[in-house]
Amino acid sequence: MRLRICTALLAALIALAALPSAAMADGGKQSSAEAAYKAVIAQTDGLAALLNGTAADSTALSIDTTGDEDKVLSMGAEGSDALSVPADATDPIVMSRQDGSSVGVLLPGTPDNGKAVGGNMVLFEDVDKDTDALIQAQEDSGVRVLTVIKGSQAPIAFDYELKLDDGYKLFPMHDGRVAIADTDGVVAAVIEAPWAYDASGSAISASYTTSDNVLTLNVAHDGSTVYPVLADPVFTWGYLSGTVYFDRTETLDVAELSLIPIAVFLILPEPVTTLIALQAATITGWAVSAIARDRTCLKLRYGLAWGWTGLNPFLAPGHYRDEAGVRCS
């Protein structure tokens, strides 16, 4: 069960634009949002490296520059994790997993339809008064939403309605992040803590509040702010979670205190592999009880779980017979 959505959501400030080489699809004329984007990152140490370092390689994306298709930007092959940014701003940005789970994000206000910008971004103008939004695909199939605030008439709060699978809720965390998790606390996605900078490179206070499935980005721009301002939260879709299924022979190996197949350690990241080592006796016990039952095999569910102390790795052994297209044979 892989979920992790994580995706980048919104912001409230300025500086939309394209990466240094970005040009508008309408013939190369640069938008005011693009110019604002460049102005802010030029004055803010490390910001360009941050934004460029997490952006998806444009070769992995399908960009519609004609405006004739429903989706301006898409990433991911059939049957894999995918990101879809629609041309119609009334439709949600959707991050979907190959297991069928998904998270959708609706932009605030009534923005104009999206336009392809550069190699990996989509521009939505007039998200709100004096505000545009720049959507950037992330390398983990997540999404970054840059909100460009161009003047003092722009709002200080931006509401993003999330389209979540049944049973999922928003959980604010003490470090400013927000987790999207199910009733068991298993995390599907993480919205990173927001940040905001103005055109002088000064940091501006930014934070989230939540109500039901609405995430509100609060940006404290005021009379002392040098406009434009760039604000940015990110949906992190790339957290690894899921289930490893052992066949009957592998289950027997584990039950006999043999090493867990090395492939498991190769595909799972730290700290999950450390958890496996620490819980080896428990896992072995589950394997033994599986062998004692007819046509029963071992499975390991792993990933991140939300708790009051933040995100914590978890490992949950269990049994299966035939499940998720996997035969216990």
C-alpha atoms as a PDB file:
ATOM      1  CA  MET A   1       0.000   0.000   0.000  1.00  0.00           C
ATOM      2  CA  ARG A   2       1.983   2.902  -1.161  1.00  0.00           C
ATOM      3  CA  LEU A   3       0.802   6.338  -0.458  1.00  0.00           C
ATOM      4  CA  ARG A   4       2.710   9.416   0.031  1.00  0.00           C
ATOM      5  CA  ILE A   5       1.662  12.213  -1.529  1.00  0.00           C
ATOM      6  CA  CYS A   6       3.216  14.494  -0.970  1.00  0.00           C
ATOM      7  CA  THR A   7       2.996  17.587  -3.520  1.00  0.00           C
ATOM      8  CA  ALA A   8       3.597  21.050  -3.065  1.00  0.00           C
ATOM      9  CA  LEU A   9       0.936  23.431  -2.277  1.00  0.00           C
ATOM     10  CA  LEU A  10       0.667  27.015  -2.587  1.00  0.00           C
ATOM     11  CA  ALA A  11       1.864  30.128  -1.311  1.00  0.00           C
ATOM     12  CA  ALA A  12       1.284  33.672  -1.046  1.00  0.00           C
ATOM     13  CA  LEU A  13       3.822  35.868  -2.525  1.00  0.00           C
ATOM     14  CA  ILE A  14       5.381  36.788  -5.636  1.00  0.00           C
ATOM     15  CA  ALA A  15       7.718  35.598  -8.080  1.00  0.00           C
ATOM     16  CA  LEU A  16       6.142  33.278 -10.449  1.00  0.00           C
ATOM     17  CA  ALA A  17       8.066  32.992 -13.623  1.00  0.00           C
ATOM     18  CA  ALA A  18      10.058  30.287 -15.070  1.00  0.00           C
ATOM     19  CA  LEU A  19      13.413  28.901 -14.298  1.00  0.00           C
ATOM     20  CA  PRO A  20      16.158  30.946 -15.866  1.00  0.00           C
ATOM     21  CA  SER A  21      15.480  29.633 -19.340  1.00  0.00           C
ATOM     22  CA  ALA A  22      11.687  29.724 -19.098  1.00  0.00           C
ATOM     23  CA  ALA A  23       9.707  31.404 -21.841  1.00  0.00           C
ATOM     24  CA  MET A  24       5.972  31.728 -22.187  1.00  0.00           C
ATOM     25  CA  ALA A  25       4.316  29.388 -24.654  1.00  0.00           C
ATOM     26  CA  ASP A  26       2.697  32.372 -26.383  1.00  0.00           C
ATOM     27  CA  GLY A  27       5.829  33.400 -28.215  1.00  0.00           C
ATOM     28  CA  GLY A  28       8.393  34.079 -25.525  1.00  0.00           C
ATOM     29  CA  LYS A  29       6.896  37.133 -23.826  1.00  0.00           C
ATOM     30  CA  GLN A  30       7.739  36.994 -20.156  1.00  0.00           C
ATOM     31  CA  SER A  31       4.890  37.423 -17.662  1.00  0.00           C
ATOM     32  CA  SER A  32       5.035  39.800 -14.709  1.00  0.00           C
ATOM     33  CA  ALA A  33       4.837  36.752 -12.459  1.00  0.00           C
ATOM     34  CA  GLU A  34       7.914  35.257 -14.082  1.00  0.00           C
ATOM     35  CA  ALA A  35       9.815  38.500 -13.661  1.00  0.00           C
ATOM     36  CA  ALA A  36       8.772  38.626 -10.001  1.00  0.00           C
ATOM     37  CA  TYR A  37       9.931  35.059  -9.462  1.00  0.00           C
ATOM     38  CA  LYS A  38      13.373  35.829 -10.830  1.00  0.00           C
ATOM     39  CA  ALA A  39      13.620  39.029  -8.797  1.00  0.00           C
ATOM     40  CA  VAL A  40      12.984  37.230  -5.514  1.00  0.00           C
ATOM     41  CA  ILE A  41      15.285  34.259  -6.064  1.00  0.00           C
ATOM     42  CA  ALA A  42      18.068  36.589  -7.191  1.00  0.00           C
ATOM     43  CA  GLN A  43      17.973  38.309  -3.778  1.00  0.00           C
ATOM     44  CA  THR A  44      17.515  35.214  -1.588  1.00  0.00           C
ATOM     45  CA  ASP A  45      20.529  33.043  -0.764  1.00  0.00           C
ATOM     46  CA  GLY A  46      20.069  29.382  -1.616  1.00  0.00           C
ATOM     47  CA  LEU A  47      16.547  29.748  -2.994  1.00  0.00           C
ATOM     48  CA  ALA A  48      17.420  29.099  -6.633  1.00  0.00           C
ATOM     49  CA  ALA A  49      19.340  25.943  -5.652  1.00  0.00           C
ATOM     50  CA  LEU A  50      16.375  24.753  -3.580  1.00  0.00           C
ATOM     51  CA  LEU A  51      13.832  25.261  -6.334  1.00  0.00           C
ATOM     52  CA  ASN A  52      15.977  23.861  -9.122  1.00  0.00           C
ATOM     53  CA  GLY A  53      17.262  20.968  -7.027  1.00  0.00           C
ATOM     54  CA  THR A  54      13.842  19.419  -6.409  1.00  0.00           C
ATOM     55  CA  ALA A  55      12.253  20.133  -9.788  1.00  0.00           C
ATOM     56  CA  ALA A  56      11.399  17.254 -12.086  1.00  0.00           C
ATOM     57  CA  ASP A  57      13.562  16.666 -15.134  1.00  0.00           C
ATOM     58  CA  SER A  58      11.607  18.089 -18.060  1.00  0.00           C
ATOM     59  CA  THR A  59      12.353  14.946 -20.079  1.00  0.00           C
ATOM     60  CA  ALA A  60      10.068  13.031 -17.696  1.00  0.00           C
ATOM     61  CA  LEU A  61       7.157  15.370 -18.380  1.00  0.00           C
ATOM     62  CA  SER A  62       4.571  15.732 -21.074  1.00  0.00           C
ATOM     63  CA  ILE A  63       3.901  19.428 -21.695  1.00  0.00           C
ATOM     64  CA  ASP A  64       0.982  20.672 -23.787  1.00  0.00           C
ATOM     65  CA  THR A  65       1.919  24.078 -25.204  1.00  0.00           C
ATOM     66  CA  THR A  66      -1.094  24.290 -27.517  1.00  0.00           C
ATOM     67  CA  GLY A  67      -3.761  24.709 -24.860  1.00  0.00           C
ATOM     68  CA  ASP A  68      -5.983  22.270 -26.754  1.00  0.00           C
ATOM     69  CA  GLU A  69      -5.788  19.412 -24.264  1.00  0.00           C
ATOM     70  CA  ASP A  70      -7.311  19.060 -20.816  1.00  0.00           C
ATOM     71  CA  LYS A  71      -4.012  18.569 -19.032  1.00  0.00           C
ATOM     72  CA  VAL A  72      -1.185  21.047 -19.457  1.00  0.00           C
ATOM     73  CA  LEU A  73       1.413  18.996 -17.616  1.00  0.00           C
ATOM     74  CA  SER A  74       1.644  15.313 -16.789  1.00  0.00           C
ATOM     75  CA  MET A  75       4.360  13.039 -15.417  1.00  0.00           C
ATOM     76  CA  GLY A  76       4.477   9.285 -14.986  1.00  0.00           C
ATOM     77  CA  ALA A  77       3.891   6.284 -17.202  1.00  0.00           C
ATOM     78  CA  GLU A  78       0.753   4.147 -17.134  1.00  0.00           C
ATOM     79  CA  GLY A  79       0.644   2.072 -13.965  1.00  0.00           C
ATOM     80  CA  SER A  80       3.155   4.271 -12.103  1.00  0.00           C
ATOM     81  CA  ASP A  81       2.926   7.198  -9.684  1.00  0.00           C
ATOM     82  CA  ALA A  82       1.782  10.261 -11.579  1.00  0.00           C
ATOM     83  CA  LEU A  83       1.168  13.993 -11.392  1.00  0.00           C
ATOM     84  CA  SER A  84      -1.409  15.810 -13.497  1.00  0.00           C
ATOM     85  CA  VAL A  85      -1.822  19.597 -13.679  1.00  0.00           C
ATOM     86  CA  PRO A  86      -5.016  20.570 -15.550  1.00  0.00           C
ATOM     87  CA  ALA A  87      -5.443  23.435 -17.951  1.00  0.00           C
ATOM     88  CA  ASP A  88      -8.872  24.156 -16.440  1.00  0.00           C
ATOM     89  CA  ALA A  89      -8.255  25.846 -13.092  1.00  0.00           C
ATOM     90  CA  THR A  90     -11.597  24.590 -11.768  1.00  0.00           C
ATOM     91  CA  ASP A  91     -10.197  21.043 -11.838  1.00  0.00           C
ATOM     92  CA  PRO A  92      -7.788  19.847  -9.118  1.00  0.00           C
ATOM     93  CA  ILE A  93      -4.081  19.181  -9.458  1.00  0.00           C
ATOM     94  CA  VAL A  94      -3.901  15.430  -8.881  1.00  0.00           C
ATOM     95  CA  MET A  95      -1.113  13.264  -7.464  1.00  0.00           C
ATOM     96  CA  SER A  96      -1.919   9.568  -7.834  1.00  0.00           C
ATOM     97  CA  ARG A  97      -0.245   6.341  -6.786  1.00  0.00           C
ATOM     98  CA  GLN A  98      -0.093   3.117  -8.718  1.00  0.00           C
ATOM     99  CA  ASP A  99      -2.141   1.491  -5.943  1.00  0.00           C
ATOM    100  CA  GLY A 100      -5.067   3.770  -6.835  1.00  0.00           C
ATOM    101  CA  SER A 101      -4.731   6.279  -3.980  1.00  0.00           C
ATOM    102  CA  SER A 102      -4.642   9.981  -4.815  1.00  0.00           C
ATOM    103  CA  VAL A 103      -4.598  13.523  -3.467  1.00  0.00           C
ATOM    104  CA  GLY A 104      -6.108  16.483  -5.297  1.00  0.00           C
ATOM    105  CA  VAL A 105      -5.436  20.191  -4.736  1.00  0.00           C
ATOM    106  CA  LEU A 106      -7.802  22.968  -5.826  1.00  0.00           C
ATOM    107  CA  LEU A 107      -6.275  26.421  -6.283  1.00  0.00           C
ATOM    108  CA  PRO A 108      -7.931  29.314  -4.430  1.00  0.00           C
ATOM    109  CA  GLY A 109     -10.059  31.899  -6.158  1.00  0.00           C
ATOM    110  CA  THR A 110     -11.029  31.702  -9.822  1.00  0.00           C
ATOM    111  CA  PRO A 111      -7.723  31.776 -11.718  1.00  0.00           C
ATOM    112  CA  ASP A 112      -7.383  31.906 -15.491  1.00  0.00           C
ATOM    113  CA  ASN A 113      -6.643  28.648 -17.280  1.00  0.00           C
ATOM    114  CA  GLY A 114      -3.115  27.296 -17.029  1.00  0.00           C
ATOM    115  CA  LYS A 115      -0.307  28.002 -19.484  1.00  0.00           C
ATOM    116  CA  ALA A 116       2.837  25.943 -19.909  1.00  0.00           C
ATOM    117  CA  VAL A 117       5.914  27.866 -18.768  1.00  0.00           C
ATOM    118  CA  GLY A 118       9.449  26.624 -19.335  1.00  0.00           C
ATOM    119  CA  GLY A 119      10.155  22.928 -19.126  1.00  0.00           C
ATOM    120  CA  ASN A 120       8.381  21.912 -15.927  1.00  0.00           C
ATOM    121  CA  MET A 121       5.910  24.564 -14.771  1.00  0.00           C
ATOM    122  CA  VAL A 122       2.370  25.808 -15.332  1.00  0.00           C
ATOM    123  CA  LEU A 123       1.228  29.396 -14.746  1.00  0.00           C
ATOM    124  CA  PHE A 124      -2.204  30.280 -13.368  1.00  0.00           C
ATOM    125  CA  GLU A 125      -2.830  34.025 -13.384  1.00  0.00           C
ATOM    126  CA  ASP A 126      -5.225  35.921 -11.107  1.00  0.00           C
ATOM    127  CA  VAL A 127      -5.543  33.305  -8.393  1.00  0.00           C
ATOM    128  CA  ASP A 128      -6.658  36.271  -6.309  1.00  0.00           C
ATOM    129  CA  LYS A 129      -6.189  40.033  -6.332  1.00  0.00           C
ATOM    130  CA  ASP A 130      -2.542  40.868  -7.081  1.00  0.00           C
ATOM    131  CA  THR A 131      -1.766  37.127  -6.943  1.00  0.00           C
ATOM    132  CA  ASP A 132      -0.679  34.470  -9.443  1.00  0.00           C
ATOM    133  CA  ALA A 133       0.389  30.851  -8.947  1.00  0.00           C
ATOM    134  CA  LEU A 134       3.186  28.867 -10.537  1.00  0.00           C
ATOM    135  CA  ILE A 135       2.934  25.077 -10.401  1.00  0.00           C
ATOM    136  CA  GLN A 136       6.207  23.135 -10.603  1.00  0.00           C
ATOM    137  CA  ALA A 137       6.451  19.364 -10.981  1.00  0.00           C
ATOM    138  CA  GLN A 138       8.746  17.713  -8.426  1.00  0.00           C
ATOM    139  CA  GLU A 139      11.107  14.818  -9.020  1.00  0.00           C
ATOM    140  CA  ASP A 140       9.150  12.536  -6.642  1.00  0.00           C
ATOM    141  CA  SER A 141       5.840  13.010  -8.504  1.00  0.00           C
ATOM    142  CA  GLY A 142       4.945  15.670  -5.949  1.00  0.00           C
ATOM    143  CA  VAL A 143       4.092  19.268  -6.720  1.00  0.00           C
ATOM    144  CA  ARG A 144       5.308  22.694  -5.606  1.00  0.00           C
ATOM    145  CA  VAL A 145       2.845  25.586  -5.714  1.00  0.00           C
ATOM    146  CA  LEU A 146       4.495  28.981  -5.747  1.00  0.00           C
ATOM    147  CA  THR A 147       2.155  31.847  -4.939  1.00  0.00           C
ATOM    148  CA  VAL A 148       3.209  35.189  -6.299  1.00  0.00           C
ATOM    149  CA  ILE A 149       1.961  38.207  -4.386  1.00  0.00           C
ATOM    150  CA  LYS A 150       2.468  41.297  -6.431  1.00  0.00           C
ATOM    151  CA  GLY A 151       1.126  44.037  -4.196  1.00  0.00           C
ATOM    152  CA  SER A 152      -0.426  45.101  -0.913  1.00  0.00           C
ATOM    153  CA  GLN A 153      -3.975  44.409  -2.114  1.00  0.00           C
ATOM    154  CA  ALA A 154      -3.287  40.668  -2.192  1.00  0.00           C
ATOM    155  CA  PRO A 155      -4.886  38.543   0.555  1.00  0.00           C
ATOM    156  CA  ILE A 156      -2.908  37.400   3.593  1.00  0.00           C
ATOM    157  CA  ALA A 157      -4.645  33.989   3.632  1.00  0.00           C
ATOM    158  CA  PHE A 158      -5.072  31.477   0.782  1.00  0.00           C
ATOM    159  CA  ASP A 159      -7.418  28.501   1.046  1.00  0.00           C
ATOM    160  CA  TYR A 160      -6.492  25.250  -0.714  1.00  0.00           C
ATOM    161  CA  GLU A 161      -9.207  22.624  -0.739  1.00  0.00           C
ATOM    162  CA  LEU A 162      -7.782  19.090  -0.750  1.00  0.00           C
ATOM    163  CA  LYS A 163      -9.531  16.174  -2.400  1.00  0.00           C
ATOM    164  CA  LEU A 164      -8.617  13.224  -0.166  1.00  0.00           C
ATOM    165  CA  ASP A 165      -9.458   9.532  -0.322  1.00  0.00           C
ATOM    166  CA  ASP A 166     -12.101   8.359   2.171  1.00  0.00           C
ATOM    167  CA  GLY A 167     -10.732   8.059   5.688  1.00  0.00           C
ATOM    168  CA  TYR A 168      -7.898  10.588   5.290  1.00  0.00           C
ATOM    169  CA  LYS A 169      -7.555  13.808   7.266  1.00  0.00           C
ATOM    170  CA  LEU A 170      -5.180  16.724   7.770  1.00  0.00           C
ATOM    171  CA  PHE A 171      -2.972  16.589  10.879  1.00  0.00           C
ATOM    172  CA  PRO A 172      -1.048  19.796  11.768  1.00  0.00           C
ATOM    173  CA  MET A 173       2.391  19.058  13.243  1.00  0.00           C
ATOM    174  CA  HIS A 174       4.412  20.972  15.813  1.00  0.00           C
ATOM    175  CA  ASP A 175       7.159  21.801  13.287  1.00  0.00           C
ATOM    176  CA  GLY A 176       4.815  23.617  10.896  1.00  0.00           C
ATOM    177  CA  ARG A 177       4.237  20.715   8.512  1.00  0.00           C
ATOM    178  CA  VAL A 178       0.869  19.102   7.867  1.00  0.00           C
ATOM    179  CA  ALA A 179       0.468  15.344   7.418  1.00  0.00           C
ATOM    180  CA  ILE A 180      -2.243  13.675   5.363  1.00  0.00           C
ATOM    181  CA  ALA A 181      -2.934  10.404   7.159  1.00  0.00           C
ATOM    182  CA  ASP A 182      -5.629   7.744   7.552  1.00  0.00           C
ATOM    183  CA  THR A 183      -7.408   6.765  10.745  1.00  0.00           C
ATOM    184  CA  ASP A 184      -4.544   4.400  11.623  1.00  0.00           C
ATOM    185  CA  GLY A 185      -2.057   7.268  11.347  1.00  0.00           C
ATOM    186  CA  VAL A 186      -0.397   5.929   8.179  1.00  0.00           C
ATOM    187  CA  VAL A 187       0.857   8.915   6.216  1.00  0.00           C
ATOM    188  CA  ALA A 188      -0.148   9.327   2.570  1.00  0.00           C
ATOM    189  CA  ALA A 189       1.535  12.686   2.069  1.00  0.00           C
ATOM    190  CA  VAL A 190       3.294  15.504   3.860  1.00  0.00           C
ATOM    191  CA  ILE A 191       2.886  19.198   3.171  1.00  0.00           C
ATOM    192  CA  GLU A 192       6.178  20.830   4.090  1.00  0.00           C
ATOM    193  CA  ALA A 193       6.278  23.892   6.340  1.00  0.00           C
ATOM    194  CA  PRO A 194       5.752  27.042   4.246  1.00  0.00           C
ATOM    195  CA  TRP A 195       8.252  29.806   3.663  1.00  0.00           C
ATOM    196  CA  ALA A 196       8.032  33.267   2.106  1.00  0.00           C
ATOM    197  CA  TYR A 197      10.543  35.881   0.916  1.00  0.00           C
ATOM    198  CA  ASP A 198      10.081  39.363  -0.476  1.00  0.00           C
ATOM    199  CA  ALA A 199      12.000  41.111  -3.253  1.00  0.00           C
ATOM    200  CA  SER A 200      14.705  42.269  -0.810  1.00  0.00           C
ATOM    201  CA  GLY A 201      15.428  38.671   0.206  1.00  0.00           C
ATOM    202  CA  SER A 202      13.859  39.159   3.653  1.00  0.00           C
ATOM    203  CA  ALA A 203      11.960  36.255   5.194  1.00  0.00           C
ATOM    204  CA  ILE A 204       8.266  36.822   5.880  1.00  0.00           C
ATOM    205  CA  SER A 205       6.267  34.866   8.441  1.00  0.00           C
ATOM    206  CA  ALA A 206       4.218  32.058   6.869  1.00  0.00           C
ATOM    207  CA  SER A 207       2.159  29.326   8.515  1.00  0.00           C
ATOM    208  CA  TYR A 208      -0.698  26.864   7.978  1.00  0.00           C
ATOM    209  CA  THR A 209      -4.081  26.515   9.595  1.00  0.00           C
ATOM    210  CA  THR A 210      -6.527  23.717   8.759  1.00  0.00           C
ATOM    211  CA  SER A 211     -10.282  23.196   8.820  1.00  0.00           C
ATOM    212  CA  ASP A 212     -11.654  19.865   7.644  1.00  0.00           C
ATOM    213  CA  ASN A 213     -10.009  19.297   4.232  1.00  0.00           C
ATOM    214  CA  VAL A 214      -9.046  22.942   3.680  1.00  0.00           C
ATOM    215  CA  LEU A 215      -5.423  23.978   4.103  1.00  0.00           C
ATOM    216  CA  THR A 216      -4.949  27.725   4.594  1.00  0.00           C
ATOM    217  CA  LEU A 217      -1.622  29.363   3.895  1.00  0.00           C
ATOM    218  CA  ASN A 218      -1.155  32.523   5.959  1.00  0.00           C
ATOM    219  CA  VAL A 219       1.431  35.045   4.777  1.00  0.00           C
ATOM    220  CA  ALA A 220       2.109  38.121   6.928  1.00  0.00           C
ATOM    221  CA  HIS A 221       2.915  40.668   4.222  1.00  0.00           C
ATOM    222  CA  ASP A 222       2.224  44.300   5.179  1.00  0.00           C
ATOM    223  CA  GLY A 223       3.329  47.897   4.647  1.00  0.00           C
ATOM    224  CA  SER A 224       6.972  47.037   5.325  1.00  0.00           C
ATOM    225  CA  THR A 225       7.074  44.333   2.628  1.00  0.00           C
ATOM    226  CA  VAL A 226       9.095  44.903  -0.531  1.00  0.00           C
ATOM    227  CA  TYR A 227       6.915  43.438  -3.287  1.00  0.00           C
ATOM    228  CA  PRO A 228       6.759  41.077  -4.967  1.00  0.00           C
ATOM    229  CA  VAL A 229       6.787  38.215  -2.465  1.00  0.00           C
ATOM    230  CA  LEU A 230       7.266  34.500  -3.126  1.00  0.00           C
ATOM    231  CA  ALA A 231       5.723  31.920  -0.780  1.00  0.00           C
ATOM    232  CA  ASP A 232       5.920  28.154  -1.100  1.00  0.00           C
ATOM    233  CA  PRO A 233       4.669  24.987   0.522  1.00  0.00           C
ATOM    234  CA  VAL A 234       5.361  21.606  -1.099  1.00  0.00           C
ATOM    235  CA  PHE A 235       3.354  18.408  -1.259  1.00  0.00           C
ATOM    236  CA  THR A 236       5.884  15.684  -0.606  1.00  0.00           C
ATOM    237  CA  TRP A 237       4.524  12.677  -2.394  1.00  0.00           C
ATOM    238  CA  GLY A 238       7.691  10.642  -2.325  1.00  0.00           C
ATOM    239  CA  TYR A 239       7.682   9.147   1.157  1.00  0.00           C
ATOM    240  CA  LEU A 240       8.137   5.415   0.774  1.00  0.00           C
ATOM    241  CA  SER A 241       5.557   3.078   2.227  1.00  0.00           C
ATOM    242  CA  GLY A 242       3.921  -0.154   1.218  1.00  0.00           C
ATOM    243  CA  THR A 243       3.856  -3.872   1.822  1.00  0.00           C
ATOM    244  CA  VAL A 244       6.461  -6.556   1.093  1.00  0.00           C
ATOM    245  CA  TYR A 245       4.952  -9.980   0.400  1.00  0.00           C
ATOM    246  CA  PHE A 246       6.971 -13.154   1.107  1.00  0.00           C
ATOM    247  CA  ASP A 247       6.038 -16.311  -0.746  1.00  0.00           C
ATOM    248  CA  ARG A 248       5.735 -19.639   1.074  1.00  0.00           C
ATOM    249  CA  THR A 249       9.405 -20.576   0.610  1.00  0.00           C
ATOM    250  CA  GLU A 250      10.646 -17.182   1.817  1.00  0.00           C
ATOM    251  CA  THR A 251       8.279 -17.359   4.776  1.00  0.00           C
ATOM    252  CA  LEU A 252       9.781 -20.747   5.671  1.00  0.00           C
ATOM    253  CA  ASP A 253      13.303 -19.278   5.431  1.00  0.00           C
ATOM    254  CA  VAL A 254      12.381 -16.521   7.874  1.00  0.00           C
ATOM    255  CA  ALA A 255      10.648 -19.015  10.191  1.00  0.00           C
ATOM    256  CA  GLU A 256      13.825 -21.106  10.293  1.00  0.00           C
ATOM    257  CA  LEU A 257      15.789 -18.030  11.405  1.00  0.00           C
ATOM    258  CA  SER A 258      17.378 -17.653   7.974  1.00  0.00           C
ATOM    259  CA  LEU A 259      18.213 -14.150   6.826  1.00  0.00           C
ATOM    260  CA  ILE A 260      15.353 -12.128   5.435  1.00  0.00           C
ATOM    261  CA  PRO A 261      15.895 -12.080   1.648  1.00  0.00           C
ATOM    262  CA  ILE A 262      18.547  -9.510   0.817  1.00  0.00           C
ATOM    263  CA  ALA A 263      16.226  -7.973  -1.778  1.00  0.00           C
ATOM    264  CA  VAL A 264      14.092  -6.572   1.029  1.00  0.00           C
ATOM    265  CA  PHE A 265      17.053  -4.589   2.361  1.00  0.00           C
ATOM    266  CA  LEU A 266      17.892  -3.358  -1.116  1.00  0.00           C
ATOM    267  CA  ILE A 267      14.468  -1.899  -1.815  1.00  0.00           C
ATOM    268  CA  LEU A 268      13.727  -0.412   1.587  1.00  0.00           C
ATOM    269  CA  PRO A 269      15.388   2.769   2.892  1.00  0.00           C
ATOM    270  CA  GLU A 270      16.655   3.601   6.329  1.00  0.00           C
ATOM    271  CA  PRO A 271      15.228   3.673   8.938  1.00  0.00           C
ATOM    272  CA  VAL A 272      12.977   0.812   7.793  1.00  0.00           C
ATOM    273  CA  THR A 273      15.853  -1.662   7.374  1.00  0.00           C
ATOM    274  CA  THR A 274      17.040  -0.864  10.899  1.00  0.00           C
ATOM    275  CA  LEU A 275      13.529  -1.548  12.164  1.00  0.00           C
ATOM    276  CA  ILE A 276      13.619  -4.944  10.464  1.00  0.00           C
ATOM    277  CA  ALA A 277      16.850  -5.792  12.255  1.00  0.00           C
ATOM    278  CA  LEU A 278      15.495  -4.622  15.613  1.00  0.00           C
ATOM    279  CA  GLN A 279      12.257  -6.540  15.197  1.00  0.00           C
ATOM    280  CA  ALA A 280      13.770  -9.698  13.728  1.00  0.00           C
ATOM    281  CA  ALA A 281      12.423 -11.899  16.539  1.00  0.00           C
ATOM    282  CA  THR A 282       8.903 -10.549  16.125  1.00  0.00           C
ATOM    283  CA  ILE A 283       9.037 -11.037  12.358  1.00  0.00           C
ATOM    284  CA  THR A 284      10.324 -14.576  12.844  1.00  0.00           C
ATOM    285  CA  GLY A 285       7.397 -15.295  15.173  1.00  0.00           C
ATOM    286  CA  TRP A 286       4.917 -14.163  12.545  1.00  0.00           C
ATOM    287  CA  ALA A 287       6.655 -16.335   9.961  1.00  0.00           C
ATOM    288  CA  VAL A 288       6.492 -19.391  12.255  1.00  0.00           C
ATOM    289  CA  SER A 289       2.771 -18.882  12.874  1.00  0.00           C
ATOM    290  CA  ALA A 290       2.205 -18.443   9.115  1.00  0.00           C
ATOM    291  CA  ILE A 291       3.903 -21.770   8.347  1.00  0.00           C
ATOM    292  CA  ALA A 292       1.716 -23.425  10.957  1.00  0.00           C
ATOM    293  CA  ARG A 293      -1.337 -22.418   8.935  1.00  0.00           C
ATOM    294  CA  ASP A 294      -2.252 -23.873   5.575  1.00  0.00           C
ATOM    295  CA  ARG A 295      -1.661 -21.595   2.553  1.00  0.00           C
ATOM    296  CA  THR A 296      -0.580 -18.659   4.729  1.00  0.00           C
ATOM    297  CA  CYS A 297       2.471 -16.423   4.122  1.00  0.00           C
ATOM    298  CA  LEU A 298       4.289 -13.517   5.779  1.00  0.00           C
ATOM    299  CA  LYS A 299       3.886  -9.882   4.822  1.00  0.00           C
ATOM    300  CA  LEU A 300       5.541  -6.716   6.182  1.00  0.00           C
ATOM    301  CA  ARG A 301       3.796  -3.368   6.069  1.00  0.00           C
ATOM    302  CA  TYR A 302       6.208  -0.425   6.359  1.00  0.00           C
ATOM    303  CA  GLY A 303       6.338   3.351   6.078  1.00  0.00           C
ATOM    304  CA  LEU A 304       5.700   6.470   8.135  1.00  0.00           C
ATOM    305  CA  ALA A 305       2.994   6.985  10.729  1.00  0.00           C
ATOM    306  CA  TRP A 306       1.725  10.254  12.182  1.00  0.00           C
ATOM    307  CA  GLY A 307       1.868  10.743  15.923  1.00  0.00           C
ATOM    308  CA  TRP A 308       1.813  13.622  18.376  1.00  0.00           C
ATOM    309  CA  THR A 309       5.601  13.665  18.277  1.00  0.00           C
ATOM    310  CA  GLY A 310       5.661  13.946  14.489  1.00  0.00           C
ATOM    311  CA  LEU A 311       6.366  11.415  11.742  1.00  0.00           C
ATOM    312  CA  ASN A 312       7.643   8.053  12.937  1.00  0.00           C
ATOM    313  CA  PRO A 313       8.738   4.992  10.971  1.00  0.00           C
ATOM    314  CA  PHE A 314       6.682   1.851  11.516  1.00  0.00           C
ATOM    315  CA  LEU A 315       6.905  -1.830  10.615  1.00  0.00           C
ATOM    316  CA  ALA A 316       3.909  -4.136  10.984  1.00  0.00           C
ATOM    317  CA  PRO A 317       4.236  -7.873  10.219  1.00  0.00           C
ATOM    318  CA  GLY A 318       1.142  -9.839   9.295  1.00  0.00           C
ATOM    319  CA  HIS A 319      -0.264 -12.778   7.359  1.00  0.00           C
ATOM    320  CA  TYR A 320      -1.874 -13.116   3.955  1.00  0.00           C
ATOM    321  CA  ARG A 321      -3.099 -15.835   1.652  1.00  0.00           C
ATOM    322  CA  ASP A 322      -3.891 -14.355  -1.737  1.00  0.00           C
ATOM    323  CA  GLU A 323      -3.844 -10.573  -1.585  1.00  0.00           C
ATOM    324  CA  ALA A 324      -3.307  -7.573  -3.857  1.00  0.00           C
ATOM    325  CA  GLY A 325      -2.680  -9.814  -6.825  1.00  0.00           C
ATOM    326  CA  VAL A 326       0.003 -11.743  -4.927  1.00  0.00           C
ATOM    327  CA  ARG A 327      -0.367 -15.505  -4.515  1.00  0.00           C
ATOM    328  CA  CYS A 328       0.902 -17.246  -1.402  1.00  0.00           C
ATOM    329  CA  SER A 329       2.436 -20.213  -3.186  1.00  0.00           C
END
